[in-house]
Amino acid sequence: MAEQRNQTPAGDNTQWTTIIRPRTGWFDVDLEELWRYRDLIVMFVKRNFTVMYKQTILGPLWIILNPLITTVLFNVVFGGIAGLSTDGTPSFLFYMAGNTVWTFFANCVNNTANTFVTNSQVFGKVYFPRLTMPVSQVLTSLINFGIQAVMYLIFWVYFFATGSGVTFTLWVLAVPFVVLEVMLLGLGIIVSSLTTKYRDLAIAVGFGVQLWMYASPVVYPLSMLDNSPRLRVLVQLNPMTSPIEIFRMATLGTGTVTTFGIVYSLIFTAAALVLGVVLFSR
């Protein structure tokens, strides 16, 4: 991966406008350069939407239909047939809250997993900061999340108006930080770096993310594990547990938020981000 800087080499009177040299550091990421290429990131985001919904009948409407259909299925299977607890909140909102956050995370991971493989031809033709690719994928997922969050808010207003007991809490102030944490955790650049050598890892990621969902409190509340201390600890070691519970606590007034869960999730996210950037740079 190359680094682009506007400077003149020592001892050389030639006024170079651009110098491209290989990156050698373990954490050789130029955030200032990434910001200079923000127009390219915007272009990649537009391209992502174009490619995703090209030649589809419903187009971007799938952004709303996917989580809505999934929530209905969760409500029927886990709420109706299995009869899982939803901590006294409307089951539809309970499942939609968990599914909204989880879909955001899953999209971030899945969309960035094949960064090097799917863009290998572009990487070999022209220089640009390679980190723009995964960043654009995460921003695309963020836009999808914003649309789904608006849909969730519409249903929330309906249930609030019908006297279902849902309410916003002060935890709503933490929602922007939760969104940022999920973005950084789901950046997926660790996977994207490894798939350059192990192509089958990209396939395993999609399957692994599906299994990961059932290890997260998406279809069940963390309070349901109060009688199983060991299982509860294992679920709390999942870095996605805390963001989901905080989102529910913020918008539904119910959830299990612990200091351990918050601190652990933040540490895990920071470690994963640093490791991912190092691997991506190398």
Protein backbone atom coordinates (compact mmCIF):
# COMPACT_ATOMS: atom_id res chain seq x y z
CA MET A 1 0.00 0.00 0.00
CA ALA A 2 1.41 3.37 -0.91
CA GLU A 3 1.55 6.65 0.90
CA GLN A 4 1.07 9.95 -0.87
CA ARG A 5 2.63 13.15 0.49
CA ASN A 6 3.17 16.60 -0.98
CA GLN A 7 6.77 17.44 -0.15
CA THR A 8 10.26 17.79 -1.67
CA PRO A 9 12.95 15.14 -1.03
CA ALA A 10 15.97 16.31 0.96
CA GLY A 11 18.89 17.30 -1.26
CA ASP A 12 16.79 17.47 -4.41
CA ASN A 13 16.05 20.86 -5.98
CA THR A 14 13.28 19.45 -8.15
CA GLN A 15 9.88 20.69 -7.01
CA TRP A 16 7.88 17.49 -6.91
CA THR A 17 4.13 17.84 -6.50
CA THR A 18 3.48 14.27 -5.38
CA ILE A 19 5.66 11.56 -3.90
CA ILE A 20 4.44 7.97 -3.58
CA ARG A 21 6.39 5.65 -1.34
CA PRO A 22 5.57 2.27 0.28
CA ARG A 23 4.12 2.14 3.75
CA THR A 24 6.42 0.46 6.25
CA GLY A 25 5.01 1.25 9.69
CA TRP A 26 2.77 -1.04 11.69
CA PHE A 27 0.23 1.72 12.24
CA ASP A 28 0.87 3.75 9.11
CA VAL A 29 -2.53 5.37 8.56
CA ASP A 30 -2.80 8.97 7.38
CA LEU A 31 -6.17 10.25 8.57
CA GLU A 32 -5.48 13.67 7.07
CA GLU A 33 -5.00 12.05 3.67
CA LEU A 34 -8.19 10.06 4.17
CA TRP A 35 -10.05 13.32 4.80
CA ARG A 36 -8.63 14.82 1.61
CA TYR A 37 -10.18 11.92 -0.29
CA ARG A 38 -13.64 12.45 1.25
CA ASP A 39 -15.11 13.16 -2.19
CA LEU A 40 -13.93 9.74 -3.32
CA ILE A 41 -15.59 8.16 -0.26
CA VAL A 42 -18.87 9.86 -1.18
CA MET A 43 -18.53 8.54 -4.71
CA PHE A 44 -17.96 5.02 -3.41
CA VAL A 45 -21.05 5.30 -1.18
CA LYS A 46 -23.16 6.30 -4.20
CA ARG A 47 -21.66 3.41 -6.15
CA ASN A 48 -22.51 0.97 -3.36
CA PHE A 49 -26.19 1.93 -3.50
CA THR A 50 -26.21 1.77 -7.29
CA VAL A 51 -24.66 -1.70 -7.39
CA MET A 52 -26.79 -3.00 -4.52
CA TYR A 53 -30.17 -2.09 -6.00
CA LYS A 54 -29.42 -2.16 -9.72
CA GLN A 55 -31.98 -4.15 -11.74
CA THR A 56 -34.24 -4.66 -8.71
CA ILE A 57 -37.97 -4.01 -8.84
CA LEU A 58 -38.38 -2.49 -5.39
CA GLY A 59 -34.93 -0.88 -5.23
CA PRO A 60 -34.08 0.94 -1.95
CA LEU A 61 -37.46 -0.13 -0.56
CA TRP A 62 -35.69 -3.34 0.47
CA ILE A 63 -33.91 -1.29 3.16
CA ILE A 64 -37.28 -1.11 4.94
CA LEU A 65 -38.75 -4.45 3.89
CA ASN A 66 -35.85 -6.63 5.08
CA PRO A 67 -35.92 -5.62 8.77
CA LEU A 68 -39.72 -5.37 8.75
CA ILE A 69 -40.19 -8.92 7.45
CA THR A 70 -37.51 -10.23 9.84
CA THR A 71 -39.20 -8.51 12.79
CA VAL A 72 -42.57 -10.03 11.87
CA LEU A 73 -41.00 -13.50 11.69
CA PHE A 74 -39.25 -13.02 15.04
CA ASN A 75 -42.53 -11.85 16.55
CA VAL A 76 -44.37 -14.94 15.30
CA VAL A 77 -41.68 -17.56 15.98
CA PHE A 78 -39.98 -16.35 19.15
CA GLY A 79 -42.78 -14.24 20.61
CA GLY A 80 -45.82 -16.30 19.60
CA ILE A 81 -44.65 -19.91 19.26
CA ALA A 82 -41.66 -20.00 21.63
CA GLY A 83 -43.21 -17.49 24.02
CA LEU A 84 -39.90 -15.81 24.94
CA SER A 85 -40.03 -12.93 27.39
CA THR A 86 -39.72 -9.36 26.14
CA ASP A 87 -39.42 -7.72 29.58
CA GLY A 88 -43.01 -6.51 29.46
CA THR A 89 -42.57 -4.41 26.33
CA PRO A 90 -44.50 -4.86 23.06
CA SER A 91 -42.87 -7.83 21.39
CA PHE A 92 -42.92 -6.18 17.96
CA LEU A 93 -40.93 -3.18 19.18
CA PHE A 94 -38.64 -5.40 21.25
CA TYR A 95 -37.61 -7.49 18.25
CA MET A 96 -37.41 -4.49 15.93
CA ALA A 97 -35.07 -2.68 18.33
CA GLY A 98 -32.67 -5.62 18.54
CA ASN A 99 -32.91 -6.36 14.84
CA THR A 100 -32.23 -2.74 13.85
CA VAL A 101 -28.96 -2.61 15.77
CA TRP A 102 -27.91 -6.10 14.73
CA THR A 103 -28.64 -5.54 11.03
CA PHE A 104 -26.45 -2.44 11.15
CA PHE A 105 -23.57 -4.43 12.64
CA ALA A 106 -24.01 -7.41 10.31
CA ASN A 107 -24.06 -5.17 7.23
CA CYS A 108 -20.85 -3.44 8.34
CA VAL A 109 -19.04 -6.76 8.77
CA ASN A 110 -20.39 -8.52 5.67
CA ASN A 111 -19.94 -5.57 3.33
CA THR A 112 -16.33 -4.91 4.32
CA ALA A 113 -15.26 -8.57 4.41
CA ASN A 114 -14.47 -8.68 0.67
CA THR A 115 -12.88 -5.24 0.34
CA PHE A 116 -9.61 -6.43 -1.19
CA VAL A 117 -11.07 -9.24 -3.27
CA THR A 118 -13.90 -7.33 -4.95
CA ASN A 119 -11.79 -4.20 -5.58
CA SER A 120 -8.50 -5.83 -6.57
CA GLN A 121 -8.67 -4.48 -10.13
CA VAL A 122 -9.20 -0.91 -8.93
CA PHE A 123 -6.40 -1.19 -6.38
CA GLY A 124 -3.96 -2.21 -9.10
CA LYS A 125 -4.72 0.68 -11.46
CA VAL A 126 -4.65 3.92 -9.48
CA TYR A 127 -3.48 5.18 -6.11
CA PHE A 128 -5.89 6.26 -3.40
CA PRO A 129 -6.05 5.55 0.36
CA ARG A 130 -7.19 1.94 0.54
CA LEU A 131 -9.06 2.62 3.77
CA THR A 132 -11.60 4.63 1.75
CA MET A 133 -13.17 1.35 0.59
CA PRO A 134 -14.17 -0.12 4.00
CA VAL A 135 -15.06 3.34 5.28
CA SER A 136 -17.47 3.84 2.38
CA GLN A 137 -19.07 0.45 3.08
CA VAL A 138 -19.60 1.34 6.74
CA LEU A 139 -21.10 4.72 5.78
CA THR A 140 -23.45 2.93 3.38
CA SER A 141 -24.56 0.70 6.25
CA LEU A 142 -24.97 3.81 8.44
CA ILE A 143 -27.37 5.35 5.91
CA ASN A 144 -29.37 2.12 5.84
CA PHE A 145 -29.44 2.13 9.64
CA GLY A 146 -30.71 5.72 9.65
CA ILE A 147 -33.61 4.78 7.37
CA GLN A 148 -34.46 1.73 9.48
CA ALA A 149 -34.20 3.80 12.67
CA VAL A 150 -36.78 6.25 11.27
CA MET A 151 -39.10 3.31 10.54
CA TYR A 152 -38.55 2.04 14.09
CA LEU A 153 -39.38 5.52 15.44
CA ILE A 154 -42.65 5.57 13.48
CA PHE A 155 -43.74 2.27 15.05
CA TRP A 156 -42.53 3.52 18.44
CA VAL A 157 -44.78 6.60 18.18
CA TYR A 158 -47.73 4.36 17.33
CA PHE A 159 -47.21 2.10 20.34
CA PHE A 160 -46.60 5.11 22.58
CA ALA A 161 -49.86 6.71 21.42
CA THR A 162 -51.78 3.49 22.15
CA GLY A 163 -50.57 3.49 25.77
CA SER A 164 -48.26 0.48 25.61
CA GLY A 165 -45.95 1.93 28.28
CA VAL A 166 -42.85 2.44 26.14
CA THR A 167 -40.82 5.53 26.95
CA PHE A 168 -37.53 7.21 26.20
CA THR A 169 -34.98 7.35 29.01
CA LEU A 170 -31.81 9.35 29.58
CA TRP A 171 -29.94 6.49 27.95
CA VAL A 172 -31.11 7.97 24.64
CA LEU A 173 -28.17 10.38 24.98
CA ALA A 174 -25.85 7.37 24.64
CA VAL A 175 -27.39 6.18 21.35
CA PRO A 176 -24.99 8.21 19.11
CA PHE A 177 -22.04 6.65 20.94
CA VAL A 178 -23.60 3.20 20.53
CA VAL A 179 -23.93 3.80 16.79
CA LEU A 180 -20.28 4.90 16.61
CA GLU A 181 -19.16 1.85 18.58
CA VAL A 182 -21.07 -0.54 16.31
CA MET A 183 -19.55 1.17 13.27
CA LEU A 184 -16.01 0.74 14.60
CA LEU A 185 -16.65 -2.82 15.80
CA GLY A 186 -18.25 -3.79 12.51
CA LEU A 187 -15.62 -2.19 10.31
CA GLY A 188 -14.56 -5.70 9.39
CA ILE A 189 -11.08 -4.76 8.20
CA ILE A 190 -9.58 -7.69 10.11
CA VAL A 191 -11.62 -10.05 7.96
CA SER A 192 -10.98 -8.05 4.78
CA SER A 193 -7.23 -8.28 5.39
CA LEU A 194 -7.30 -12.04 5.97
CA THR A 195 -9.54 -12.83 2.97
CA THR A 196 -6.73 -11.79 0.62
CA LYS A 197 -4.99 -15.06 1.52
CA TYR A 198 -7.88 -17.21 2.70
CA ARG A 199 -10.78 -16.63 0.29
CA ASP A 200 -13.09 -19.14 1.98
CA LEU A 201 -13.02 -16.97 5.11
CA ALA A 202 -15.46 -14.58 3.42
CA ILE A 203 -17.99 -17.41 3.16
CA ALA A 204 -17.43 -18.38 6.78
CA VAL A 205 -18.01 -14.79 7.88
CA GLY A 206 -21.59 -14.72 6.56
CA PHE A 207 -22.37 -17.97 8.36
CA GLY A 208 -20.56 -16.86 11.50
CA VAL A 209 -22.47 -13.58 11.70
CA GLN A 210 -25.77 -15.50 11.58
CA LEU A 211 -24.66 -17.72 14.47
CA TRP A 212 -23.36 -14.69 16.35
CA MET A 213 -26.85 -13.19 16.33
CA TYR A 214 -28.19 -16.03 18.50
CA ALA A 215 -25.36 -15.44 20.97
CA SER A 216 -26.57 -11.82 21.22
CA PRO A 217 -29.74 -10.61 23.00
CA VAL A 218 -31.56 -9.90 19.75
CA VAL A 219 -34.51 -12.28 20.18
CA TYR A 220 -34.35 -12.53 23.98
CA PRO A 221 -33.60 -10.12 26.84
CA LEU A 222 -30.45 -10.51 28.90
CA SER A 223 -32.63 -10.66 32.02
CA MET A 224 -33.93 -14.04 30.83
CA LEU A 225 -30.52 -15.50 31.75
CA ASP A 226 -30.64 -14.40 35.38
CA ASN A 227 -31.14 -18.02 36.46
CA SER A 228 -28.13 -19.17 34.43
CA PRO A 229 -25.13 -17.19 35.74
CA ARG A 230 -22.54 -18.94 33.56
CA LEU A 231 -24.56 -18.49 30.40
CA ARG A 232 -25.22 -14.88 31.31
CA VAL A 233 -21.49 -14.23 31.70
CA LEU A 234 -20.81 -15.81 28.30
CA VAL A 235 -23.43 -13.62 26.63
CA GLN A 236 -22.01 -10.53 28.36
CA LEU A 237 -18.61 -11.39 26.85
CA ASN A 238 -20.24 -10.75 23.50
CA PRO A 239 -19.26 -7.15 22.57
CA MET A 240 -22.63 -6.63 20.84
CA THR A 241 -24.64 -7.35 23.99
CA SER A 242 -24.08 -3.95 25.56
CA PRO A 243 -25.00 -1.84 22.45
CA ILE A 244 -28.25 -3.78 21.95
CA GLU A 245 -29.25 -3.53 25.61
CA ILE A 246 -28.44 0.19 25.73
CA PHE A 247 -30.53 0.84 22.61
CA ARG A 248 -33.49 -0.98 24.18
CA MET A 249 -33.02 0.79 27.50
CA ALA A 250 -32.94 4.14 25.68
CA THR A 251 -36.04 3.62 23.57
CA LEU A 252 -38.16 1.10 25.49
CA GLY A 253 -37.23 1.84 29.10
CA THR A 254 -36.19 -1.75 29.75
CA GLY A 255 -32.93 -3.64 29.46
CA THR A 256 -29.91 -4.82 31.41
CA VAL A 257 -27.05 -2.33 31.24
CA THR A 258 -24.00 -2.98 33.43
CA THR A 259 -20.75 -1.09 33.92
CA PHE A 260 -18.82 -4.27 33.14
CA GLY A 261 -20.69 -4.74 29.87
CA ILE A 262 -20.08 -1.16 28.74
CA VAL A 263 -16.37 -1.11 29.64
CA TYR A 264 -15.73 -4.57 28.19
CA SER A 265 -17.50 -3.72 24.95
CA LEU A 266 -15.52 -0.49 24.54
CA ILE A 267 -12.18 -2.20 25.24
CA PHE A 268 -12.99 -5.03 22.83
CA THR A 269 -14.00 -2.54 20.11
CA ALA A 270 -10.83 -0.48 20.55
CA ALA A 271 -8.61 -3.58 20.45
CA ALA A 272 -10.37 -4.96 17.37
CA LEU A 273 -10.10 -1.59 15.60
CA VAL A 274 -6.37 -1.21 16.32
CA LEU A 275 -5.63 -4.80 15.26
CA GLY A 276 -7.73 -4.37 12.13
CA VAL A 277 -5.99 -1.14 11.09
CA VAL A 278 -2.56 -2.72 11.66
CA LEU A 279 -3.41 -5.77 9.52
CA PHE A 280 -5.02 -3.59 6.87
CA SER A 281 -1.95 -1.34 6.68
CA ARG A 282 0.45 -4.28 6.40
